[in-house]
Amino acid sequence: MAMQRKKKRQTPQSKRRFSDRGDIGWQGPIVHYRELDVLRKFLTTSSKIMSRRRAGTSAREQRDIKRAVKYARYMALLAYSGA
């Protein structure tokens, strides 16, 4: 008996987390390390980065968020641990 694979569904442009960013003509990262208000939305109260499932981001967006949070922590713009 052959197993059927599930079809992957693409997320429509309107349902994406950053619908105005990351298009074909977009230059640079999805999130910049200086956008602290955006980065704080993806941190828990203990300053851990939220999972993709909980944050509702794609793999590329999650990588950009991770990179931006780590750089913002290095530049002392974000705390390493929750206060």
N, C-alpha and C. Protein backbone atom coordinates (compact mmCIF):
# COMPACT_ATOMS: atom_id res chain seq x y z
N MET A 1 0.84 -1.17 0.00
CA MET A 1 0.00 0.00 0.00
C MET A 1 0.89 1.23 0.00
N ALA A 2 0.68 2.10 -0.96
CA ALA A 2 1.50 3.30 -1.09
C ALA A 2 0.98 4.39 -0.16
N MET A 3 1.92 5.06 0.47
CA MET A 3 1.54 6.16 1.37
C MET A 3 1.45 7.45 0.57
N GLN A 4 0.44 8.22 0.85
CA GLN A 4 0.28 9.49 0.17
C GLN A 4 0.91 10.60 1.00
N ARG A 5 1.59 11.49 0.31
CA ARG A 5 2.22 12.61 0.99
C ARG A 5 1.26 13.78 1.03
N LYS A 6 1.35 14.52 2.11
CA LYS A 6 0.52 15.72 2.22
C LYS A 6 1.10 16.82 1.36
N LYS A 7 0.24 17.56 0.73
CA LYS A 7 0.69 18.68 -0.08
C LYS A 7 1.01 19.87 0.82
N LYS A 8 2.14 20.51 0.54
CA LYS A 8 2.50 21.70 1.30
C LYS A 8 1.72 22.88 0.77
N ARG A 9 1.13 23.61 1.68
CA ARG A 9 0.37 24.79 1.29
C ARG A 9 1.22 26.03 1.49
N GLN A 10 1.21 26.90 0.51
CA GLN A 10 1.91 28.16 0.66
C GLN A 10 1.01 29.14 1.38
N THR A 11 1.61 29.92 2.25
CA THR A 11 0.87 30.91 3.01
C THR A 11 0.56 32.10 2.09
N PRO A 12 -0.69 32.51 2.00
CA PRO A 12 -1.01 33.67 1.17
C PRO A 12 -0.31 34.93 1.69
N GLN A 13 -0.09 35.86 0.80
CA GLN A 13 0.63 37.09 1.14
C GLN A 13 -0.03 37.83 2.29
N SER A 14 -1.35 37.82 2.37
CA SER A 14 -2.06 38.58 3.40
C SER A 14 -1.92 37.95 4.79
N LYS A 15 -1.64 36.64 4.89
CA LYS A 15 -1.57 35.97 6.18
C LYS A 15 -0.14 35.87 6.71
N ARG A 16 0.83 36.34 5.95
CA ARG A 16 2.21 36.28 6.41
C ARG A 16 2.44 37.26 7.54
N ARG A 17 3.39 36.94 8.41
CA ARG A 17 3.67 37.78 9.58
C ARG A 17 4.19 39.14 9.16
N PHE A 18 5.09 39.18 8.18
CA PHE A 18 5.65 40.42 7.66
C PHE A 18 5.21 40.55 6.20
N SER A 19 3.94 40.89 6.00
CA SER A 19 3.40 40.91 4.65
C SER A 19 3.99 42.01 3.79
N ASP A 20 4.45 43.10 4.41
CA ASP A 20 5.02 44.19 3.64
C ASP A 20 6.51 44.02 3.38
N ARG A 21 7.12 42.98 3.93
CA ARG A 21 8.55 42.76 3.78
C ARG A 21 8.82 41.39 3.18
N GLY A 22 9.99 41.23 2.60
CA GLY A 22 10.40 39.92 2.10
C GLY A 22 9.88 39.58 0.72
N ASP A 23 9.35 40.54 0.00
CA ASP A 23 8.89 40.26 -1.36
C ASP A 23 10.09 40.13 -2.30
N ILE A 24 9.81 39.97 -3.57
CA ILE A 24 10.86 39.77 -4.57
C ILE A 24 11.82 40.95 -4.62
N GLY A 25 11.32 42.16 -4.52
CA GLY A 25 12.16 43.34 -4.61
C GLY A 25 12.75 43.79 -3.29
N TRP A 26 12.54 43.05 -2.21
CA TRP A 26 13.00 43.47 -0.88
C TRP A 26 14.51 43.28 -0.76
N GLN A 27 15.17 44.30 -0.21
CA GLN A 27 16.61 44.25 0.01
C GLN A 27 16.88 44.20 1.51
N GLY A 28 17.76 43.32 1.95
CA GLY A 28 18.14 43.28 3.35
C GLY A 28 17.31 42.30 4.16
N PRO A 29 17.54 42.28 5.48
CA PRO A 29 16.84 41.33 6.35
C PRO A 29 15.38 41.72 6.57
N ILE A 30 14.60 40.76 7.01
CA ILE A 30 13.18 40.99 7.30
C ILE A 30 13.04 41.93 8.50
N VAL A 31 13.85 41.71 9.52
CA VAL A 31 13.81 42.51 10.75
C VAL A 31 15.22 43.03 11.01
N HIS A 32 15.32 44.29 11.36
CA HIS A 32 16.62 44.90 11.65
C HIS A 32 16.85 44.89 13.16
N TYR A 33 18.10 44.82 13.58
CA TYR A 33 18.40 44.72 15.01
C TYR A 33 18.03 45.98 15.78
N ARG A 34 17.82 47.10 15.10
CA ARG A 34 17.46 48.33 15.79
C ARG A 34 15.95 48.48 15.99
N GLU A 35 15.15 47.59 15.44
CA GLU A 35 13.70 47.62 15.61
C GLU A 35 13.33 46.86 16.89
N LEU A 36 13.57 47.49 18.01
CA LEU A 36 13.43 46.81 19.30
C LEU A 36 11.98 46.46 19.63
N ASP A 37 11.06 47.32 19.25
CA ASP A 37 9.65 47.02 19.54
C ASP A 37 9.18 45.78 18.79
N VAL A 38 9.67 45.58 17.58
CA VAL A 38 9.31 44.39 16.81
C VAL A 38 9.99 43.16 17.41
N LEU A 39 11.26 43.30 17.77
CA LEU A 39 12.00 42.16 18.32
C LEU A 39 11.41 41.71 19.65
N ARG A 40 10.95 42.64 20.48
CA ARG A 40 10.39 42.27 21.78
C ARG A 40 9.11 41.46 21.66
N LYS A 41 8.41 41.60 20.54
CA LYS A 41 7.20 40.80 20.32
C LYS A 41 7.53 39.32 20.15
N PHE A 42 8.76 39.02 19.77
CA PHE A 42 9.16 37.63 19.54
C PHE A 42 9.98 37.06 20.69
N LEU A 43 9.98 37.74 21.83
CA LEU A 43 10.67 37.26 23.02
C LEU A 43 9.65 36.93 24.10
N THR A 44 9.94 35.90 24.88
CA THR A 44 9.09 35.56 26.01
C THR A 44 9.44 36.48 27.18
N THR A 45 8.74 36.33 28.29
CA THR A 45 9.02 37.17 29.45
C THR A 45 10.39 36.88 30.04
N SER A 46 10.92 35.69 29.78
CA SER A 46 12.26 35.35 30.26
C SER A 46 13.32 35.63 29.19
N SER A 47 12.96 36.41 28.17
CA SER A 47 13.85 36.85 27.08
C SER A 47 14.35 35.71 26.20
N LYS A 48 13.56 34.65 26.07
CA LYS A 48 13.89 33.59 25.12
C LYS A 48 13.18 33.89 23.81
N ILE A 49 13.78 33.48 22.71
CA ILE A 49 13.17 33.68 21.40
C ILE A 49 12.04 32.66 21.25
N MET A 50 10.88 33.13 20.82
CA MET A 50 9.73 32.23 20.65
C MET A 50 9.97 31.26 19.50
N SER A 51 9.31 30.12 19.58
CA SER A 51 9.40 29.13 18.53
C SER A 51 8.65 29.62 17.28
N ARG A 52 8.96 29.02 16.16
CA ARG A 52 8.30 29.38 14.91
C ARG A 52 6.80 29.18 14.99
N ARG A 53 6.42 28.08 15.60
CA ARG A 53 4.99 27.75 15.69
C ARG A 53 4.23 28.78 16.52
N ARG A 54 4.82 29.17 17.62
CA ARG A 54 4.16 30.14 18.51
C ARG A 54 4.19 31.55 17.93
N ALA A 55 5.28 31.91 17.28
CA ALA A 55 5.41 33.25 16.72
C ALA A 55 4.68 33.39 15.38
N GLY A 56 4.49 32.27 14.70
CA GLY A 56 3.79 32.31 13.41
C GLY A 56 4.66 32.83 12.28
N THR A 57 5.94 32.51 12.31
CA THR A 57 6.86 32.99 11.29
C THR A 57 7.32 31.84 10.41
N SER A 58 7.84 32.18 9.23
CA SER A 58 8.41 31.17 8.34
C SER A 58 9.84 30.89 8.78
N ALA A 59 10.48 29.93 8.13
CA ALA A 59 11.86 29.57 8.49
C ALA A 59 12.81 30.73 8.23
N ARG A 60 12.63 31.40 7.10
CA ARG A 60 13.51 32.52 6.77
C ARG A 60 13.31 33.68 7.75
N GLU A 61 12.06 33.97 8.07
CA GLU A 61 11.77 35.04 9.03
C GLU A 61 12.34 34.71 10.40
N GLN A 62 12.25 33.43 10.80
CA GLN A 62 12.77 33.02 12.10
C GLN A 62 14.29 33.17 12.15
N ARG A 63 14.96 32.83 11.06
CA ARG A 63 16.42 32.99 11.02
C ARG A 63 16.81 34.46 11.13
N ASP A 64 16.08 35.33 10.44
CA ASP A 64 16.37 36.76 10.50
C ASP A 64 16.09 37.33 11.89
N ILE A 65 15.03 36.86 12.52
CA ILE A 65 14.70 37.31 13.89
C ILE A 65 15.80 36.86 14.85
N LYS A 66 16.21 35.61 14.72
CA LYS A 66 17.27 35.08 15.59
C LYS A 66 18.54 35.90 15.45
N ARG A 67 18.93 36.17 14.22
CA ARG A 67 20.14 36.93 13.96
C ARG A 67 20.03 38.35 14.53
N ALA A 68 18.88 38.98 14.35
CA ALA A 68 18.68 40.35 14.83
C ALA A 68 18.67 40.41 16.36
N VAL A 69 18.02 39.43 17.01
CA VAL A 69 17.97 39.41 18.48
C VAL A 69 19.37 39.20 19.05
N LYS A 70 20.11 38.28 18.47
CA LYS A 70 21.46 38.02 18.97
C LYS A 70 22.36 39.24 18.80
N TYR A 71 22.24 39.93 17.67
CA TYR A 71 23.07 41.12 17.46
C TYR A 71 22.64 42.26 18.37
N ALA A 72 21.33 42.40 18.61
CA ALA A 72 20.85 43.44 19.52
C ALA A 72 21.30 43.16 20.95
N ARG A 73 21.36 41.90 21.34
CA ARG A 73 21.89 41.56 22.66
C ARG A 73 23.37 41.89 22.76
N TYR A 74 24.10 41.58 21.69
CA TYR A 74 25.53 41.88 21.67
C TYR A 74 25.79 43.36 21.76
N MET A 75 24.95 44.18 21.12
CA MET A 75 25.09 45.62 21.14
C MET A 75 24.47 46.24 22.40
N ALA A 76 23.98 45.41 23.31
CA ALA A 76 23.39 45.83 24.60
C ALA A 76 22.11 46.64 24.40
N LEU A 77 21.35 46.34 23.34
CA LEU A 77 20.06 46.97 23.13
C LEU A 77 18.95 46.13 23.77
N LEU A 78 19.16 44.83 23.87
CA LEU A 78 18.23 43.91 24.51
C LEU A 78 18.96 43.17 25.63
N ALA A 79 18.22 42.79 26.65
CA ALA A 79 18.80 42.05 27.77
C ALA A 79 18.95 40.58 27.39
N TYR A 80 19.98 39.94 27.94
CA TYR A 80 20.17 38.50 27.72
C TYR A 80 19.15 37.69 28.50
N SER A 81 18.73 38.19 29.66
CA SER A 81 17.76 37.47 30.49
C SER A 81 16.66 38.42 30.91
N GLY A 82 15.51 37.86 31.24
CA GLY A 82 14.36 38.67 31.65
C GLY A 82 14.60 39.32 33.00
N ALA A 83 14.03 40.49 33.17
CA ALA A 83 14.23 41.21 34.43
C ALA A 83 13.06 41.04 35.36
